[in-house]
Amino acid sequence: MTDIIILTGSPSKHSRSQLAANYAGKLAEAQGYSVKEISVTDFAAEDLIYARFDSPAIVEAGQTVSSAKGLIIASPVYKAAYTGVLKALLDLLPQDAFKNKPVLPIMTGGSPAHLLAIDYALKPLIANLKGEPLQGVYLCDHHINKENPNQPVADEETGVRINSQANQLVESIRRNHAASAVK
């Protein structure tokens, strides 16, 4: 079982949102958690477009997400929300796949004008899937250096926010684990 699943919603193979999410995942790995990325680009387009709930890749992704202890979900801002392809994937996952899991939302966009996309689009979706959304991090594109995938955050203040949120994700997982051990 993987501790933390990163769900990336960019249709681009090398996106800024993917880099930011993977960076947060590396911060969690440094604290001893196993991390695995699932990208919308991992699936056949036909499975997503035609809502093939029985696709082996979709079924496996649903099981992987359902068994995780926490999630990082990342998307670029498209038309003031997350990508449609991310929504297509999430629609195919089991309804309770995020249940009682802390979820770190990360979004990227061209300017601070889309900052509220996390609060008005992504967090309600996470809540609908029964996840526990953390505050999240919004990054402007110019704060991400695609040339340095190991240290992609080019802005110190943004780096502090991602570190803080990754720590909050890990702490939420620890609290949930401790609470379930007591039951």
N, C-alpha and C. Protein backbone atom coordinates (compact mmCIF):
# COMPACT_ATOMS: atom_id res chain seq x y z
N MET A 1 0.84 -1.18 0.00
CA MET A 1 0.00 0.00 0.00
C MET A 1 0.89 1.24 0.00
N THR A 2 0.53 2.20 -0.82
CA THR A 2 1.23 3.48 -0.88
C THR A 2 0.57 4.44 0.10
N ASP A 3 1.38 5.18 0.84
CA ASP A 3 0.84 6.10 1.84
C ASP A 3 0.14 7.30 1.21
N ILE A 4 0.80 7.93 0.24
CA ILE A 4 0.28 9.17 -0.36
C ILE A 4 0.23 9.01 -1.88
N ILE A 5 -0.92 9.31 -2.44
CA ILE A 5 -1.09 9.29 -3.88
C ILE A 5 -1.14 10.73 -4.38
N ILE A 6 -0.37 11.00 -5.41
CA ILE A 6 -0.41 12.29 -6.09
C ILE A 6 -1.28 12.10 -7.33
N LEU A 7 -2.36 12.85 -7.44
CA LEU A 7 -3.21 12.84 -8.63
C LEU A 7 -2.93 14.13 -9.40
N THR A 8 -2.37 14.00 -10.60
CA THR A 8 -2.09 15.18 -11.39
C THR A 8 -3.05 15.27 -12.57
N GLY A 9 -3.60 16.45 -12.76
CA GLY A 9 -4.66 16.64 -13.74
C GLY A 9 -4.29 17.39 -14.99
N SER A 10 -3.01 17.61 -15.22
CA SER A 10 -2.62 18.32 -16.43
C SER A 10 -2.51 17.37 -17.60
N PRO A 11 -3.06 17.74 -18.75
CA PRO A 11 -2.89 16.89 -19.94
C PRO A 11 -1.48 16.97 -20.52
N SER A 12 -0.66 17.86 -20.00
CA SER A 12 0.73 18.00 -20.44
C SER A 12 1.61 17.02 -19.66
N LYS A 13 2.50 16.35 -20.35
CA LYS A 13 3.38 15.36 -19.69
C LYS A 13 4.32 16.00 -18.68
N HIS A 14 4.74 17.24 -18.90
CA HIS A 14 5.69 17.91 -18.01
C HIS A 14 5.12 19.27 -17.61
N SER A 15 4.19 19.25 -16.69
CA SER A 15 3.49 20.48 -16.33
C SER A 15 4.03 21.07 -15.03
N ARG A 16 3.75 22.33 -14.83
CA ARG A 16 4.15 23.01 -13.60
C ARG A 16 3.40 22.45 -12.40
N SER A 17 2.12 22.15 -12.57
CA SER A 17 1.35 21.60 -11.45
C SER A 17 1.89 20.23 -11.05
N GLN A 18 2.30 19.44 -12.01
CA GLN A 18 2.90 18.14 -11.72
C GLN A 18 4.22 18.31 -10.97
N LEU A 19 5.05 19.26 -11.40
CA LEU A 19 6.32 19.52 -10.72
C LEU A 19 6.08 19.94 -9.27
N ALA A 20 5.12 20.83 -9.06
CA ALA A 20 4.82 21.30 -7.71
C ALA A 20 4.31 20.16 -6.83
N ALA A 21 3.43 19.33 -7.38
CA ALA A 21 2.88 18.21 -6.61
C ALA A 21 3.97 17.19 -6.28
N ASN A 22 4.81 16.89 -7.25
CA ASN A 22 5.88 15.94 -7.00
C ASN A 22 6.88 16.48 -5.98
N TYR A 23 7.09 17.78 -5.98
CA TYR A 23 7.96 18.41 -4.97
C TYR A 23 7.36 18.22 -3.58
N ALA A 24 6.06 18.45 -3.44
CA ALA A 24 5.39 18.23 -2.15
C ALA A 24 5.49 16.76 -1.76
N GLY A 25 5.36 15.87 -2.74
CA GLY A 25 5.49 14.44 -2.47
C GLY A 25 6.88 14.08 -1.98
N LYS A 26 7.92 14.71 -2.54
CA LYS A 26 9.29 14.45 -2.09
C LYS A 26 9.48 14.91 -0.65
N LEU A 27 8.83 15.99 -0.28
CA LEU A 27 8.91 16.47 1.10
C LEU A 27 8.29 15.44 2.05
N ALA A 28 7.19 14.82 1.63
CA ALA A 28 6.55 13.78 2.44
C ALA A 28 7.42 12.52 2.48
N GLU A 29 8.03 12.17 1.35
CA GLU A 29 8.93 11.01 1.32
C GLU A 29 10.10 11.19 2.27
N ALA A 30 10.59 12.41 2.39
CA ALA A 30 11.71 12.70 3.30
C ALA A 30 11.32 12.43 4.76
N GLN A 31 10.01 12.39 5.03
CA GLN A 31 9.53 12.10 6.37
C GLN A 31 9.11 10.64 6.53
N GLY A 32 9.46 9.82 5.54
CA GLY A 32 9.25 8.38 5.66
C GLY A 32 7.99 7.84 5.02
N TYR A 33 7.30 8.62 4.23
CA TYR A 33 6.06 8.16 3.60
C TYR A 33 6.32 7.73 2.16
N SER A 34 5.66 6.67 1.74
CA SER A 34 5.77 6.24 0.34
C SER A 34 4.79 7.06 -0.49
N VAL A 35 5.22 7.40 -1.69
CA VAL A 35 4.44 8.29 -2.56
C VAL A 35 4.40 7.70 -3.97
N LYS A 36 3.24 7.79 -4.59
CA LYS A 36 3.08 7.33 -5.98
C LYS A 36 2.26 8.36 -6.73
N GLU A 37 2.66 8.64 -7.96
CA GLU A 37 1.90 9.57 -8.79
C GLU A 37 0.97 8.82 -9.74
N ILE A 38 -0.23 9.33 -9.87
CA ILE A 38 -1.17 8.88 -10.89
C ILE A 38 -1.53 10.13 -11.69
N SER A 39 -1.26 10.09 -12.98
CA SER A 39 -1.53 11.23 -13.85
C SER A 39 -2.67 10.91 -14.80
N VAL A 40 -3.40 11.93 -15.18
CA VAL A 40 -4.45 11.71 -16.18
C VAL A 40 -3.86 11.20 -17.49
N THR A 41 -2.58 11.48 -17.71
CA THR A 41 -1.94 11.00 -18.94
C THR A 41 -1.60 9.52 -18.89
N ASP A 42 -1.81 8.88 -17.74
CA ASP A 42 -1.55 7.44 -17.61
C ASP A 42 -2.67 6.59 -18.22
N PHE A 43 -3.78 7.22 -18.55
CA PHE A 43 -4.96 6.47 -18.98
C PHE A 43 -5.23 6.67 -20.47
N ALA A 44 -5.82 5.65 -21.07
CA ALA A 44 -6.26 5.78 -22.45
C ALA A 44 -7.36 6.84 -22.51
N ALA A 45 -7.25 7.72 -23.46
CA ALA A 45 -8.26 8.79 -23.58
C ALA A 45 -9.67 8.22 -23.70
N GLU A 46 -9.79 7.09 -24.37
CA GLU A 46 -11.10 6.48 -24.56
C GLU A 46 -11.71 6.05 -23.22
N ASP A 47 -10.87 5.59 -22.29
CA ASP A 47 -11.38 5.19 -20.98
C ASP A 47 -12.00 6.39 -20.25
N LEU A 48 -11.35 7.54 -20.38
CA LEU A 48 -11.85 8.74 -19.70
C LEU A 48 -13.05 9.33 -20.43
N ILE A 49 -12.97 9.42 -21.74
CA ILE A 49 -14.04 10.05 -22.51
C ILE A 49 -15.32 9.23 -22.48
N TYR A 50 -15.19 7.92 -22.59
CA TYR A 50 -16.36 7.05 -22.63
C TYR A 50 -16.74 6.48 -21.26
N ALA A 51 -16.14 7.03 -20.20
CA ALA A 51 -16.47 6.64 -18.82
C ALA A 51 -16.45 5.13 -18.63
N ARG A 52 -15.33 4.54 -18.93
CA ARG A 52 -15.17 3.08 -18.80
C ARG A 52 -14.78 2.75 -17.36
N PHE A 53 -15.80 2.63 -16.53
CA PHE A 53 -15.60 2.31 -15.12
C PHE A 53 -14.90 0.97 -14.94
N ASP A 54 -15.07 0.06 -15.89
CA ASP A 54 -14.51 -1.28 -15.78
C ASP A 54 -13.12 -1.41 -16.41
N SER A 55 -12.56 -0.32 -16.90
CA SER A 55 -11.22 -0.37 -17.45
C SER A 55 -10.26 -0.84 -16.36
N PRO A 56 -9.39 -1.81 -16.65
CA PRO A 56 -8.45 -2.28 -15.64
C PRO A 56 -7.60 -1.16 -15.03
N ALA A 57 -7.19 -0.20 -15.86
CA ALA A 57 -6.38 0.91 -15.34
C ALA A 57 -7.20 1.79 -14.39
N ILE A 58 -8.46 2.02 -14.71
CA ILE A 58 -9.33 2.84 -13.86
C ILE A 58 -9.63 2.09 -12.56
N VAL A 59 -9.92 0.81 -12.64
CA VAL A 59 -10.20 0.01 -11.44
C VAL A 59 -8.98 0.01 -10.52
N GLU A 60 -7.80 -0.19 -11.10
CA GLU A 60 -6.57 -0.20 -10.29
C GLU A 60 -6.34 1.16 -9.63
N ALA A 61 -6.55 2.23 -10.38
CA ALA A 61 -6.38 3.57 -9.81
C ALA A 61 -7.35 3.80 -8.66
N GLY A 62 -8.58 3.37 -8.82
CA GLY A 62 -9.57 3.50 -7.75
C GLY A 62 -9.17 2.76 -6.50
N GLN A 63 -8.65 1.55 -6.67
CA GLN A 63 -8.20 0.77 -5.51
C GLN A 63 -6.98 1.42 -4.85
N THR A 64 -6.07 1.93 -5.65
CA THR A 64 -4.86 2.57 -5.13
C THR A 64 -5.22 3.82 -4.33
N VAL A 65 -6.09 4.66 -4.88
CA VAL A 65 -6.51 5.88 -4.20
C VAL A 65 -7.29 5.53 -2.93
N SER A 66 -8.17 4.56 -3.01
CA SER A 66 -8.98 4.18 -1.85
C SER A 66 -8.14 3.66 -0.69
N SER A 67 -7.03 3.00 -0.99
CA SER A 67 -6.21 2.42 0.06
C SER A 67 -5.13 3.37 0.60
N ALA A 68 -4.98 4.54 -0.02
CA ALA A 68 -3.97 5.51 0.42
C ALA A 68 -4.37 6.14 1.75
N LYS A 69 -3.38 6.67 2.44
CA LYS A 69 -3.62 7.38 3.70
C LYS A 69 -3.86 8.86 3.49
N GLY A 70 -3.38 9.40 2.38
CA GLY A 70 -3.54 10.82 2.07
C GLY A 70 -3.32 11.05 0.59
N LEU A 71 -3.71 12.24 0.15
CA LEU A 71 -3.63 12.55 -1.27
C LEU A 71 -3.07 13.95 -1.49
N ILE A 72 -2.42 14.11 -2.62
CA ILE A 72 -2.07 15.41 -3.15
C ILE A 72 -2.75 15.47 -4.51
N ILE A 73 -3.54 16.49 -4.75
CA ILE A 73 -4.22 16.61 -6.03
C ILE A 73 -3.80 17.93 -6.65
N ALA A 74 -3.35 17.88 -7.90
CA ALA A 74 -2.81 19.06 -8.55
C ALA A 74 -3.38 19.25 -9.94
N SER A 75 -3.60 20.53 -10.27
CA SER A 75 -4.14 20.86 -11.59
C SER A 75 -3.77 22.28 -11.95
N PRO A 76 -3.53 22.51 -13.23
CA PRO A 76 -3.46 23.90 -13.67
C PRO A 76 -4.88 24.47 -13.66
N VAL A 77 -4.98 25.78 -13.61
CA VAL A 77 -6.28 26.43 -13.70
C VAL A 77 -6.66 26.53 -15.17
N TYR A 78 -7.81 25.97 -15.50
CA TYR A 78 -8.39 26.08 -16.84
C TYR A 78 -9.77 26.70 -16.66
N LYS A 79 -10.01 27.83 -17.24
CA LYS A 79 -11.32 28.49 -17.17
C LYS A 79 -11.82 28.60 -15.73
N ALA A 80 -10.96 29.04 -14.84
CA ALA A 80 -11.27 29.31 -13.42
C ALA A 80 -11.57 28.04 -12.61
N ALA A 81 -11.12 26.89 -13.09
CA ALA A 81 -11.35 25.64 -12.36
C ALA A 81 -10.22 24.67 -12.68
N TYR A 82 -10.36 23.43 -12.20
CA TYR A 82 -9.42 22.36 -12.52
C TYR A 82 -9.70 21.88 -13.94
N THR A 83 -8.83 21.05 -14.47
CA THR A 83 -8.99 20.59 -15.84
C THR A 83 -10.17 19.63 -15.98
N GLY A 84 -10.75 19.63 -17.15
CA GLY A 84 -11.85 18.71 -17.43
C GLY A 84 -11.41 17.26 -17.42
N VAL A 85 -10.19 17.00 -17.85
CA VAL A 85 -9.69 15.62 -17.87
C VAL A 85 -9.50 15.11 -16.44
N LEU A 86 -9.13 15.98 -15.50
CA LEU A 86 -9.05 15.57 -14.09
C LEU A 86 -10.45 15.22 -13.59
N LYS A 87 -11.43 16.03 -13.93
CA LYS A 87 -12.81 15.74 -13.52
C LYS A 87 -13.28 14.42 -14.12
N ALA A 88 -12.91 14.16 -15.36
CA ALA A 88 -13.30 12.88 -15.98
C ALA A 88 -12.72 11.71 -15.20
N LEU A 89 -11.46 11.82 -14.77
CA LEU A 89 -10.85 10.74 -13.99
C LEU A 89 -11.54 10.61 -12.64
N LEU A 90 -11.74 11.71 -11.95
CA LEU A 90 -12.35 11.65 -10.62
C LEU A 90 -13.77 11.10 -10.67
N ASP A 91 -14.47 11.37 -11.75
CA ASP A 91 -15.83 10.83 -11.90
C ASP A 91 -15.83 9.30 -11.98
N LEU A 92 -14.71 8.72 -12.38
CA LEU A 92 -14.64 7.26 -12.53
C LEU A 92 -14.15 6.55 -11.28
N LEU A 93 -13.64 7.30 -10.32
CA LEU A 93 -13.18 6.69 -9.06
C LEU A 93 -14.36 6.37 -8.17
N PRO A 94 -14.21 5.42 -7.25
CA PRO A 94 -15.31 5.13 -6.32
C PRO A 94 -15.73 6.40 -5.56
N GLN A 95 -17.02 6.53 -5.28
CA GLN A 95 -17.56 7.73 -4.64
C GLN A 95 -16.87 8.05 -3.32
N ASP A 96 -16.44 7.04 -2.60
CA ASP A 96 -15.82 7.28 -1.29
C ASP A 96 -14.29 7.12 -1.33
N ALA A 97 -13.70 7.27 -2.49
CA ALA A 97 -12.26 7.05 -2.65
C ALA A 97 -11.42 7.99 -1.78
N PHE A 98 -11.94 9.19 -1.48
CA PHE A 98 -11.20 10.16 -0.68
C PHE A 98 -11.64 10.14 0.78
N LYS A 99 -12.57 9.24 1.13
CA LYS A 99 -13.21 9.28 2.45
C LYS A 99 -12.19 9.29 3.60
N ASN A 100 -12.34 10.29 4.46
CA ASN A 100 -11.53 10.46 5.67
C ASN A 100 -10.03 10.61 5.40
N LYS A 101 -9.69 11.05 4.21
CA LYS A 101 -8.28 11.24 3.86
C LYS A 101 -7.97 12.73 3.80
N PRO A 102 -6.84 13.14 4.36
CA PRO A 102 -6.41 14.51 4.14
C PRO A 102 -5.96 14.66 2.69
N VAL A 103 -6.36 15.78 2.08
CA VAL A 103 -6.04 16.01 0.67
C VAL A 103 -5.41 17.40 0.54
N LEU A 104 -4.21 17.43 -0.01
CA LEU A 104 -3.51 18.68 -0.26
C LEU A 104 -3.79 19.12 -1.69
N PRO A 105 -4.59 20.20 -1.88
CA PRO A 105 -4.83 20.71 -3.23
C PRO A 105 -3.73 21.68 -3.65
N ILE A 106 -3.25 21.51 -4.88
CA ILE A 106 -2.24 22.39 -5.46
C ILE A 106 -2.75 22.80 -6.84
N MET A 107 -2.72 24.11 -7.10
CA MET A 107 -3.11 24.60 -8.42
C MET A 107 -2.08 25.61 -8.91
N THR A 108 -1.93 25.65 -10.23
CA THR A 108 -1.01 26.59 -10.85
C THR A 108 -1.77 27.41 -11.89
N GLY A 109 -1.31 28.65 -12.06
CA GLY A 109 -1.93 29.51 -13.05
C GLY A 109 -1.02 30.64 -13.46
N GLY A 110 -1.40 31.33 -14.48
CA GLY A 110 -0.57 32.38 -15.04
C GLY A 110 -0.47 33.63 -14.21
N SER A 111 -1.44 33.86 -13.34
CA SER A 111 -1.41 35.07 -12.52
C SER A 111 -2.14 34.82 -11.21
N PRO A 112 -1.99 35.73 -10.24
CA PRO A 112 -2.71 35.58 -8.96
C PRO A 112 -4.23 35.72 -9.12
N ALA A 113 -4.70 36.14 -10.27
CA ALA A 113 -6.13 36.34 -10.49
C ALA A 113 -6.94 35.05 -10.30
N HIS A 114 -6.30 33.90 -10.42
CA HIS A 114 -7.01 32.62 -10.31
C HIS A 114 -6.82 31.94 -8.96
N LEU A 115 -6.30 32.66 -8.01
CA LEU A 115 -6.00 32.14 -6.68
C LEU A 115 -7.20 31.43 -6.04
N LEU A 116 -8.38 31.95 -6.21
CA LEU A 116 -9.56 31.39 -5.55
C LEU A 116 -10.08 30.11 -6.21
N ALA A 117 -9.46 29.67 -7.30
CA ALA A 117 -9.90 28.43 -7.94
C ALA A 117 -9.79 27.25 -6.99
N ILE A 118 -8.82 27.28 -6.08
CA ILE A 118 -8.72 26.20 -5.09
C ILE A 118 -9.96 26.19 -4.21
N ASP A 119 -10.34 27.35 -3.68
CA ASP A 119 -11.46 27.42 -2.74
C ASP A 119 -12.82 27.23 -3.40
N TYR A 120 -12.99 27.73 -4.62
CA TYR A 120 -14.30 27.70 -5.26
C TYR A 120 -14.51 26.54 -6.21
N ALA A 121 -13.45 25.85 -6.60
CA ALA A 121 -13.60 24.74 -7.53
C ALA A 121 -13.06 23.43 -6.97
N LEU A 122 -11.79 23.41 -6.58
CA LEU A 122 -11.15 22.15 -6.20
C LEU A 122 -11.57 21.65 -4.82
N LYS A 123 -11.62 22.53 -3.83
CA LYS A 123 -12.00 22.08 -2.48
C LYS A 123 -13.43 21.54 -2.42
N PRO A 124 -14.41 22.17 -3.07
CA PRO A 124 -15.75 21.57 -3.06
C PRO A 124 -15.79 20.17 -3.70
N LEU A 125 -14.99 19.97 -4.74
CA LEU A 125 -14.91 18.64 -5.36
C LEU A 125 -14.31 17.63 -4.39
N ILE A 126 -13.25 18.02 -3.69
CA ILE A 126 -12.61 17.14 -2.70
C ILE A 126 -13.62 16.79 -1.60
N ALA A 127 -14.34 17.79 -1.12
CA ALA A 127 -15.34 17.56 -0.08
C ALA A 127 -16.45 16.64 -0.56
N ASN A 128 -16.87 16.79 -1.81
CA ASN A 128 -17.90 15.93 -2.37
C ASN A 128 -17.45 14.48 -2.42
N LEU A 129 -16.15 14.27 -2.60
CA LEU A 129 -15.59 12.92 -2.61
C LEU A 129 -15.26 12.44 -1.19
N LYS A 130 -15.70 13.20 -0.20
CA LYS A 130 -15.57 12.87 1.23
C LYS A 130 -14.15 13.01 1.76
N GLY A 131 -13.31 13.75 1.02
CA GLY A 131 -11.95 14.03 1.48
C GLY A 131 -11.93 15.20 2.45
N GLU A 132 -10.81 15.37 3.10
CA GLU A 132 -10.61 16.47 4.06
C GLU A 132 -9.59 17.43 3.47
N PRO A 133 -10.05 18.46 2.74
CA PRO A 133 -9.10 19.35 2.07
C PRO A 133 -8.30 20.20 3.05
N LEU A 134 -7.00 20.27 2.81
CA LEU A 134 -6.13 21.18 3.55
C LEU A 134 -6.26 22.56 2.88
N GLN A 135 -5.57 23.54 3.43
CA GLN A 135 -5.62 24.89 2.87
C GLN A 135 -5.24 24.90 1.40
N GLY A 136 -4.17 24.22 1.06
CA GLY A 136 -3.72 24.16 -0.32
C GLY A 136 -2.73 25.24 -0.67
N VAL A 137 -2.17 25.10 -1.87
CA VAL A 137 -1.18 26.05 -2.36
C VAL A 137 -1.50 26.39 -3.81
N TYR A 138 -1.54 27.69 -4.09
CA TYR A 138 -1.66 28.18 -5.45
C TYR A 138 -0.31 28.77 -5.85
N LEU A 139 0.19 28.39 -7.01
CA LEU A 139 1.48 28.88 -7.49
C LEU A 139 1.30 29.56 -8.84
N CYS A 140 1.87 30.73 -8.98
CA CYS A 140 1.93 31.37 -10.30
C CYS A 140 2.99 30.65 -11.12
N ASP A 141 2.75 30.58 -12.40
CA ASP A 141 3.67 29.87 -13.30
C ASP A 141 5.12 30.33 -13.15
N HIS A 142 5.32 31.63 -12.96
CA HIS A 142 6.70 32.14 -12.89
C HIS A 142 7.41 31.75 -11.59
N HIS A 143 6.69 31.13 -10.65
CA HIS A 143 7.30 30.64 -9.41
C HIS A 143 7.82 29.20 -9.55
N ILE A 144 7.65 28.63 -10.73
CA ILE A 144 8.07 27.24 -10.96
C ILE A 144 9.10 27.20 -12.08
N ASN A 145 10.23 26.61 -11.78
CA ASN A 145 11.31 26.48 -12.75
C ASN A 145 11.27 25.07 -13.33
N LYS A 146 10.78 24.96 -14.56
CA LYS A 146 10.67 23.66 -15.20
C LYS A 146 12.03 23.05 -15.53
N GLU A 147 13.07 23.88 -15.52
CA GLU A 147 14.42 23.40 -15.84
C GLU A 147 15.08 22.68 -14.65
N ASN A 148 14.48 22.78 -13.47
CA ASN A 148 15.05 22.17 -12.28
C ASN A 148 13.98 21.31 -11.58
N PRO A 149 13.69 20.13 -12.11
CA PRO A 149 12.60 19.31 -11.56
C PRO A 149 12.82 18.84 -10.12
N ASN A 150 14.06 18.78 -9.66
CA ASN A 150 14.32 18.37 -8.29
C ASN A 150 14.07 19.48 -7.28
N GLN A 151 14.17 20.71 -7.73
CA GLN A 151 13.93 21.88 -6.87
C GLN A 151 13.17 22.91 -7.72
N PRO A 152 11.92 22.59 -8.09
CA PRO A 152 11.22 23.42 -9.07
C PRO A 152 10.68 24.75 -8.54
N VAL A 153 10.56 24.89 -7.24
CA VAL A 153 9.97 26.11 -6.70
C VAL A 153 11.03 27.21 -6.69
N ALA A 154 10.80 28.21 -7.52
CA ALA A 154 11.79 29.27 -7.72
C ALA A 154 11.58 30.46 -6.79
N ASP A 155 10.54 30.45 -6.01
CA ASP A 155 10.21 31.57 -5.13
C ASP A 155 10.27 31.09 -3.68
N GLU A 156 11.03 31.78 -2.86
CA GLU A 156 11.25 31.34 -1.47
C GLU A 156 9.95 31.29 -0.66
N GLU A 157 9.12 32.31 -0.78
CA GLU A 157 7.86 32.34 -0.01
C GLU A 157 6.94 31.20 -0.43
N THR A 158 6.90 30.91 -1.71
CA THR A 158 6.09 29.79 -2.21
C THR A 158 6.65 28.47 -1.70
N GLY A 159 7.96 28.36 -1.65
CA GLY A 159 8.60 27.15 -1.11
C GLY A 159 8.23 26.93 0.34
N VAL A 160 8.18 28.00 1.10
CA VAL A 160 7.77 27.90 2.51
C VAL A 160 6.33 27.41 2.62
N ARG A 161 5.44 27.93 1.75
CA ARG A 161 4.04 27.50 1.78
C ARG A 161 3.89 26.02 1.42
N ILE A 162 4.61 25.57 0.41
CA ILE A 162 4.52 24.15 0.04
C ILE A 162 5.07 23.28 1.16
N ASN A 163 6.19 23.67 1.74
CA ASN A 163 6.74 22.92 2.88
C ASN A 163 5.74 22.83 4.00
N SER A 164 5.13 23.94 4.33
CA SER A 164 4.15 23.98 5.43
C SER A 164 2.97 23.06 5.14
N GLN A 165 2.45 23.11 3.92
CA GLN A 165 1.30 22.29 3.57
C GLN A 165 1.66 20.80 3.49
N ALA A 166 2.86 20.48 3.01
CA ALA A 166 3.30 19.07 3.00
C ALA A 166 3.42 18.56 4.43
N ASN A 167 3.94 19.39 5.31
CA ASN A 167 4.03 19.01 6.73
C ASN A 167 2.64 18.83 7.34
N GLN A 168 1.71 19.69 6.95
CA GLN A 168 0.35 19.56 7.46
C GLN A 168 -0.30 18.27 6.96
N LEU A 169 -0.04 17.90 5.73
CA LEU A 169 -0.55 16.63 5.18
C LEU A 169 -0.02 15.46 5.99
N VAL A 170 1.29 15.44 6.21
CA VAL A 170 1.91 14.36 6.97
C VAL A 170 1.36 14.31 8.40
N GLU A 171 1.20 15.46 9.01
CA GLU A 171 0.67 15.51 10.38
C GLU A 171 -0.77 15.02 10.42
N SER A 172 -1.57 15.36 9.43
CA SER A 172 -2.96 14.88 9.37
C SER A 172 -3.00 13.36 9.21
N ILE A 173 -2.12 12.82 8.40
CA ILE A 173 -2.04 11.36 8.23
C ILE A 173 -1.67 10.72 9.56
N ARG A 174 -0.69 11.28 10.26
CA ARG A 174 -0.29 10.74 11.57
C ARG A 174 -1.45 10.77 12.56
N ARG A 175 -2.16 11.89 12.61
CA ARG A 175 -3.31 12.00 13.52
C ARG A 175 -4.37 10.98 13.19
N ASN A 176 -4.69 10.82 11.90
CA ASN A 176 -5.70 9.84 11.48
C ASN A 176 -5.26 8.43 11.86
N HIS A 177 -3.99 8.14 11.66
CA HIS A 177 -3.46 6.81 11.99
C HIS A 177 -3.52 6.56 13.50
N ALA A 178 -3.14 7.56 14.28
CA ALA A 178 -3.20 7.43 15.74
C ALA A 178 -4.64 7.25 16.21
N ALA A 179 -5.56 7.99 15.62
CA ALA A 179 -6.97 7.90 16.02
C ALA A 179 -7.55 6.53 15.67
N SER A 180 -7.16 5.98 14.51
CA SER A 180 -7.69 4.66 14.13
C SER A 180 -7.05 3.56 14.96
N ALA A 181 -5.84 3.76 15.45
CA ALA A 181 -5.18 2.76 16.30
C ALA A 181 -5.84 2.67 17.67
N VAL A 182 -6.44 3.78 18.12
CA VAL A 182 -7.09 3.82 19.43
C VAL A 182 -8.44 3.10 19.38
N LYS A 183 -9.09 3.13 18.21
CA LYS A 183 -10.43 2.52 18.09
C LYS A 183 -10.42 1.03 18.24
